[in-house]
């Protein structure tokens, strides 16, 4: 275990630079902060570069056992002073655990292999989601509902943004995530006879009146404009959540969660 007492240490500078998407894209590295997130990541065999710890911030929630797992994998561990850890943490209340990990993006080919010859697939497709918090929240909901996979099309936000990892509470590592463009995703879904349900406030069909059993893909679009025409025209059915007040739609994370859990109710 190496000790870091200075905020100008090269390893500390590296952590700070990884808050920037361009540096994450160049290095294929990203940050994971927090006990719960790191437990999920290491249990799902995420590959790590290094771990930074500060015992002054520990919540005494079994941190020692987690650190032992990093030691067993021979991952470099840096012990930081309180001042140094505050510099690298992006949380208001850090818990003294932050790691650099390797990205593992799965694209069109991996998605095609994943869905081939499978029955009763339960998928969620997200097109152009812009806000990291929304993306992370949807991933968390999909993990809770045991969705088979999430497909992110034409992403506007980086799935390895620290705020995606944080909002997902590590669910980014527990549910398979694939990235591809909308045209390829639609082609794969159609070839494998997966029913496409496009969510839009302009639909005529109510979500809970639609059959959500069998192989389905619930598709949600970006916060401001919703789904693009390619999804609305290629969908097997368009569905909506009825709105009784003056607002015509819900937050994309809220609406996706509602429909996902209705699918779980029907499929139980």
Protein backbone atom coordinates (compact mmCIF):
# COMPACT_ATOMS: atom_id res chain seq x y z
CA UNK A 1 0.00 0.00 0.00
CA UNK A 2 1.44 3.35 -1.06
CA UNK A 3 0.82 6.59 0.77
CA UNK A 4 -0.13 9.86 -0.94
CA UNK A 5 0.05 13.11 1.04
CA UNK A 6 0.22 15.66 -1.78
CA UNK A 7 -2.56 16.81 -4.11
CA UNK A 8 0.01 17.33 -6.89
CA UNK A 9 0.90 13.62 -6.96
CA UNK A 10 0.64 12.32 -10.58
CA UNK A 11 -1.86 9.64 -9.55
CA UNK A 12 -4.12 12.28 -8.00
CA UNK A 13 -3.89 14.37 -11.15
CA UNK A 14 -4.90 11.29 -13.16
CA UNK A 15 -8.03 10.80 -11.04
CA UNK A 16 -9.05 14.42 -11.47
CA UNK A 17 -8.51 14.28 -15.24
CA UNK A 18 -10.83 11.26 -15.44
CA UNK A 19 -13.74 13.55 -14.59
CA UNK A 20 -13.33 14.78 -18.16
CA UNK A 21 -15.00 12.67 -20.86
CA UNK A 22 -12.24 13.24 -23.39
CA UNK A 23 -9.64 11.80 -21.04
CA UNK A 24 -11.91 8.84 -20.25
CA UNK A 25 -12.34 8.20 -23.98
CA UNK A 26 -8.59 8.42 -24.59
CA UNK A 27 -7.54 6.16 -21.72
CA UNK A 28 -10.57 3.82 -21.66
CA UNK A 29 -10.59 4.28 -17.89
CA UNK A 30 -13.27 5.64 -15.55
CA UNK A 31 -13.95 6.32 -11.87
CA UNK A 32 -16.00 4.34 -9.38
CA UNK A 33 -16.55 5.94 -5.98
CA UNK A 34 -18.36 4.48 -3.00
CA UNK A 35 -18.52 1.26 -1.03
CA UNK A 36 -21.73 -0.12 -2.55
CA UNK A 37 -20.65 0.68 -6.08
CA UNK A 38 -17.24 -0.93 -5.64
CA UNK A 39 -18.70 -4.08 -4.05
CA UNK A 40 -20.97 -4.58 -7.08
CA UNK A 41 -18.16 -3.83 -9.50
CA UNK A 42 -15.59 -6.19 -8.02
CA UNK A 43 -18.17 -8.96 -7.64
CA UNK A 44 -18.96 -8.62 -11.36
CA UNK A 45 -15.27 -8.91 -12.30
CA UNK A 46 -14.80 -5.32 -13.41
CA UNK A 47 -11.09 -4.85 -14.14
CA UNK A 48 -9.38 -2.26 -11.95
CA UNK A 49 -6.31 -0.10 -12.37
CA UNK A 50 -6.00 1.18 -8.79
CA UNK A 51 -7.84 1.90 -5.53
CA UNK A 52 -7.62 5.06 -3.40
CA UNK A 53 -8.65 4.89 0.26
CA UNK A 54 -8.90 7.25 3.22
CA UNK A 55 -9.69 5.58 6.53
CA UNK A 56 -10.81 8.91 8.07
CA UNK A 57 -13.94 8.75 5.90
CA UNK A 58 -14.75 5.05 6.38
CA UNK A 59 -18.29 4.32 7.56
CA UNK A 60 -17.06 1.12 9.21
CA UNK A 61 -19.20 -0.92 6.82
CA UNK A 62 -16.95 -3.87 6.11
CA UNK A 63 -14.37 -1.83 4.19
CA UNK A 64 -11.57 -4.15 5.26
CA UNK A 65 -13.10 -7.14 3.48
CA UNK A 66 -13.55 -5.09 0.31
CA UNK A 67 -9.94 -3.90 0.42
CA UNK A 68 -8.77 -7.49 0.86
CA UNK A 69 -10.47 -8.38 -2.44
CA UNK A 70 -8.44 -5.69 -4.17
CA UNK A 71 -5.28 -6.97 -2.49
CA UNK A 72 -6.02 -10.53 -3.62
CA UNK A 73 -6.30 -9.28 -7.20
CA UNK A 74 -2.95 -7.48 -6.76
CA UNK A 75 -4.47 -4.10 -7.55
CA UNK A 76 -2.39 -1.09 -6.54
CA UNK A 77 -3.80 0.62 -3.45
CA UNK A 78 -3.06 4.22 -2.49
CA UNK A 79 -3.65 5.40 1.08
CA UNK A 80 -4.58 9.09 0.99
CA UNK A 81 -4.67 11.84 3.57
CA UNK A 82 -8.04 13.45 4.27
CA UNK A 83 -7.06 16.54 2.29
CA UNK A 84 -5.98 14.49 -0.73
CA UNK A 85 -9.10 12.34 -0.75
CA UNK A 86 -11.35 15.38 -0.55
CA UNK A 87 -9.56 16.63 -3.67
CA UNK A 88 -10.38 13.52 -5.71
CA UNK A 89 -13.86 12.79 -4.35
CA UNK A 90 -16.87 14.11 -6.27
CA UNK A 91 -19.25 13.50 -3.36
CA UNK A 92 -20.41 15.86 -0.65
CA UNK A 93 -19.96 13.06 1.89
CA UNK A 94 -17.19 10.73 0.71
CA UNK A 95 -16.88 7.29 2.28
CA UNK A 96 -13.15 6.99 1.66
CA UNK A 97 -13.20 4.58 -1.31
CA UNK A 98 -12.55 5.47 -4.94
CA UNK A 99 -11.12 3.38 -7.78
CA UNK A 100 -9.95 3.71 -11.35
CA UNK A 101 -11.38 0.94 -13.53
CA UNK A 102 -11.16 -0.17 -17.16
CA UNK A 103 -14.10 0.45 -19.49
CA UNK A 104 -15.76 -2.55 -21.12
CA UNK A 105 -18.08 -1.21 -23.80
CA UNK A 106 -20.24 -3.78 -25.59
CA UNK A 107 -21.50 -2.80 -29.02
CA UNK A 108 -23.76 -4.00 -31.82
CA UNK A 109 -22.05 -7.36 -32.35
CA UNK A 110 -22.23 -8.26 -28.66
CA UNK A 111 -25.91 -7.24 -28.54
CA UNK A 112 -26.67 -9.39 -31.57
CA UNK A 113 -25.08 -12.42 -29.93
CA UNK A 114 -26.85 -11.71 -26.63
CA UNK A 115 -30.39 -11.77 -28.05
CA UNK A 116 -29.96 -14.61 -30.55
CA UNK A 117 -32.28 -17.58 -29.99
CA UNK A 118 -33.47 -16.35 -26.58
CA UNK A 119 -37.10 -16.37 -25.48
CA UNK A 120 -39.05 -13.97 -23.27
CA UNK A 121 -36.37 -11.30 -23.35
CA UNK A 122 -37.14 -8.22 -21.30
CA UNK A 123 -35.17 -5.28 -22.70
CA UNK A 124 -35.08 -1.52 -22.19
CA UNK A 125 -33.81 0.74 -24.99
CA UNK A 126 -32.77 4.35 -24.30
CA UNK A 127 -32.31 6.81 -27.14
CA UNK A 128 -30.35 10.02 -26.67
CA UNK A 129 -30.67 10.29 -22.89
CA UNK A 130 -28.86 13.50 -21.96
CA UNK A 131 -28.71 13.67 -18.16
CA UNK A 132 -26.34 11.32 -16.29
CA UNK A 133 -28.68 11.24 -13.30
CA UNK A 134 -31.59 10.01 -15.42
CA UNK A 135 -29.48 7.34 -17.09
CA UNK A 136 -28.16 6.11 -13.75
CA UNK A 137 -31.62 6.06 -12.20
CA UNK A 138 -33.03 4.03 -15.11
CA UNK A 139 -30.18 1.53 -14.80
CA UNK A 140 -30.97 1.17 -11.11
CA UNK A 141 -34.65 0.57 -11.87
CA UNK A 142 -33.75 -2.00 -14.54
CA UNK A 143 -31.56 -3.84 -12.06
CA UNK A 144 -34.38 -3.84 -9.53
CA UNK A 145 -36.79 -5.25 -12.13
CA UNK A 146 -34.19 -7.74 -13.36
CA UNK A 147 -34.36 -6.48 -16.93
CA UNK A 148 -32.26 -8.74 -19.17
CA UNK A 149 -30.32 -5.88 -20.77
CA UNK A 150 -30.30 -2.15 -21.46
CA UNK A 151 -29.46 -0.91 -24.95
CA UNK A 152 -28.26 2.68 -25.20
CA UNK A 153 -28.74 4.17 -28.65
CA UNK A 154 -27.09 7.33 -29.93
CA UNK A 155 -25.94 8.29 -26.42
CA UNK A 156 -25.66 11.97 -25.51
CA UNK A 157 -24.06 11.19 -22.16
CA UNK A 158 -21.16 8.92 -21.38
CA UNK A 159 -22.22 5.79 -19.50
CA UNK A 160 -18.93 6.06 -17.60
CA UNK A 161 -19.70 9.55 -16.35
CA UNK A 162 -19.13 9.47 -12.54
CA UNK A 163 -22.69 10.70 -12.01
CA UNK A 164 -24.11 7.78 -14.02
CA UNK A 165 -22.17 5.35 -11.83
CA UNK A 166 -23.32 7.16 -8.71
CA UNK A 167 -27.01 7.45 -9.66
CA UNK A 168 -27.09 3.78 -10.66
CA UNK A 169 -25.63 2.78 -7.26
CA UNK A 170 -23.42 0.36 -9.20
CA UNK A 171 -26.25 -1.10 -11.32
CA UNK A 172 -24.16 -0.22 -14.36
CA UNK A 173 -22.19 -3.37 -13.47
CA UNK A 174 -25.09 -5.71 -12.66
CA UNK A 175 -27.23 -5.36 -15.80
CA UNK A 176 -25.76 -5.99 -19.28
CA UNK A 177 -25.46 -2.70 -21.19
CA UNK A 178 -24.96 -2.46 -24.96
CA UNK A 179 -24.30 0.62 -27.09
CA UNK A 180 -25.28 0.96 -30.75
CA UNK A 181 -27.15 3.28 -33.08
CA UNK A 182 -30.92 3.20 -33.44
CA UNK A 183 -30.94 1.68 -36.93
CA UNK A 184 -28.85 -1.30 -35.84
CA UNK A 185 -30.85 -1.79 -32.65
CA UNK A 186 -34.15 -1.82 -34.55
CA UNK A 187 -32.76 -4.25 -37.13
CA UNK A 188 -31.62 -6.67 -34.40
CA UNK A 189 -34.91 -6.42 -32.50
CA UNK A 190 -36.96 -7.04 -35.66
CA UNK A 191 -34.82 -10.00 -36.76
CA UNK A 192 -35.28 -11.63 -33.38
CA UNK A 193 -39.03 -10.92 -33.25
CA UNK A 194 -38.79 -8.75 -30.16
CA UNK A 195 -41.85 -6.53 -29.76
CA UNK A 196 -40.92 -2.83 -29.78
CA UNK A 197 -42.97 -0.61 -27.46
CA UNK A 198 -42.21 3.07 -28.03
CA UNK A 199 -43.10 5.41 -25.19
CA UNK A 200 -44.55 8.81 -26.17
CA UNK A 201 -47.14 11.14 -24.63
CA UNK A 202 -48.74 11.35 -28.09
CA UNK A 203 -49.68 7.64 -28.19
CA UNK A 204 -53.28 6.48 -28.06
CA UNK A 205 -52.64 3.20 -26.19
CA UNK A 206 -52.29 3.21 -22.38
CA UNK A 207 -49.25 1.28 -21.14
CA UNK A 208 -51.08 -0.98 -18.66
CA UNK A 209 -53.63 -2.01 -21.32
CA UNK A 210 -50.88 -3.37 -23.59
CA UNK A 211 -49.57 -6.94 -23.43
CA UNK A 212 -46.07 -6.70 -21.92
CA UNK A 213 -45.38 -10.43 -21.84
CA UNK A 214 -43.05 -12.37 -24.16
CA UNK A 215 -39.98 -10.82 -25.73
CA UNK A 216 -40.32 -7.05 -25.50
CA UNK A 217 -38.22 -3.90 -25.73
CA UNK A 218 -39.53 -0.81 -23.91
CA UNK A 219 -38.06 2.24 -25.67
CA UNK A 220 -37.68 5.69 -24.08
CA UNK A 221 -36.29 8.86 -25.63
CA UNK A 222 -34.39 11.98 -24.66
CA UNK A 223 -35.71 14.34 -22.00
CA UNK A 224 -36.54 17.31 -24.21
CA UNK A 225 -37.78 15.85 -27.50
CA UNK A 226 -38.69 12.25 -26.75
CA UNK A 227 -38.15 9.48 -29.28
CA UNK A 228 -37.05 10.17 -32.84
CA UNK A 229 -39.27 9.31 -35.81
CA UNK A 230 -37.34 6.15 -36.61
CA UNK A 231 -38.52 4.55 -33.35
CA UNK A 232 -42.05 5.93 -33.57
CA UNK A 233 -42.52 4.61 -37.11
CA UNK A 234 -40.78 1.25 -36.62
CA UNK A 235 -42.39 0.42 -33.25
CA UNK A 236 -44.95 -2.37 -33.04
CA UNK A 237 -47.00 -0.19 -30.73
CA UNK A 238 -46.72 3.25 -29.12
CA UNK A 239 -47.75 3.54 -25.47
CA UNK A 240 -48.25 6.36 -22.99
CA UNK A 241 -48.80 7.02 -19.30
CA UNK A 242 -52.12 8.85 -18.82
CA UNK A 243 -51.67 12.39 -17.45
CA UNK A 244 -54.54 13.91 -15.47
CA UNK A 245 -52.99 17.28 -14.60
CA UNK A 246 -51.58 20.10 -16.68
CA UNK A 247 -48.20 18.43 -17.32
CA UNK A 248 -48.17 16.33 -20.46
CA UNK A 249 -45.34 13.97 -19.45
CA UNK A 250 -43.17 12.67 -16.63
CA UNK A 251 -39.42 12.69 -16.16
CA UNK A 252 -37.93 9.98 -18.42
CA UNK A 253 -36.49 8.04 -15.47
CA UNK A 254 -39.85 8.10 -13.66
CA UNK A 255 -41.90 7.10 -16.70
CA UNK A 256 -39.52 4.31 -17.71
CA UNK A 257 -39.58 2.90 -14.17
CA UNK A 258 -43.39 2.93 -14.07
CA UNK A 259 -43.68 1.00 -17.34
CA UNK A 260 -40.88 -1.43 -16.46
CA UNK A 261 -42.63 -2.36 -13.22
CA UNK A 262 -45.96 -2.81 -14.97
CA UNK A 263 -44.15 -5.28 -17.22
CA UNK A 264 -42.88 -7.07 -14.12
CA UNK A 265 -46.45 -7.23 -12.74
CA UNK A 266 -47.77 -8.76 -15.95
CA UNK A 267 -44.87 -11.18 -16.31
CA UNK A 268 -45.00 -12.48 -12.72
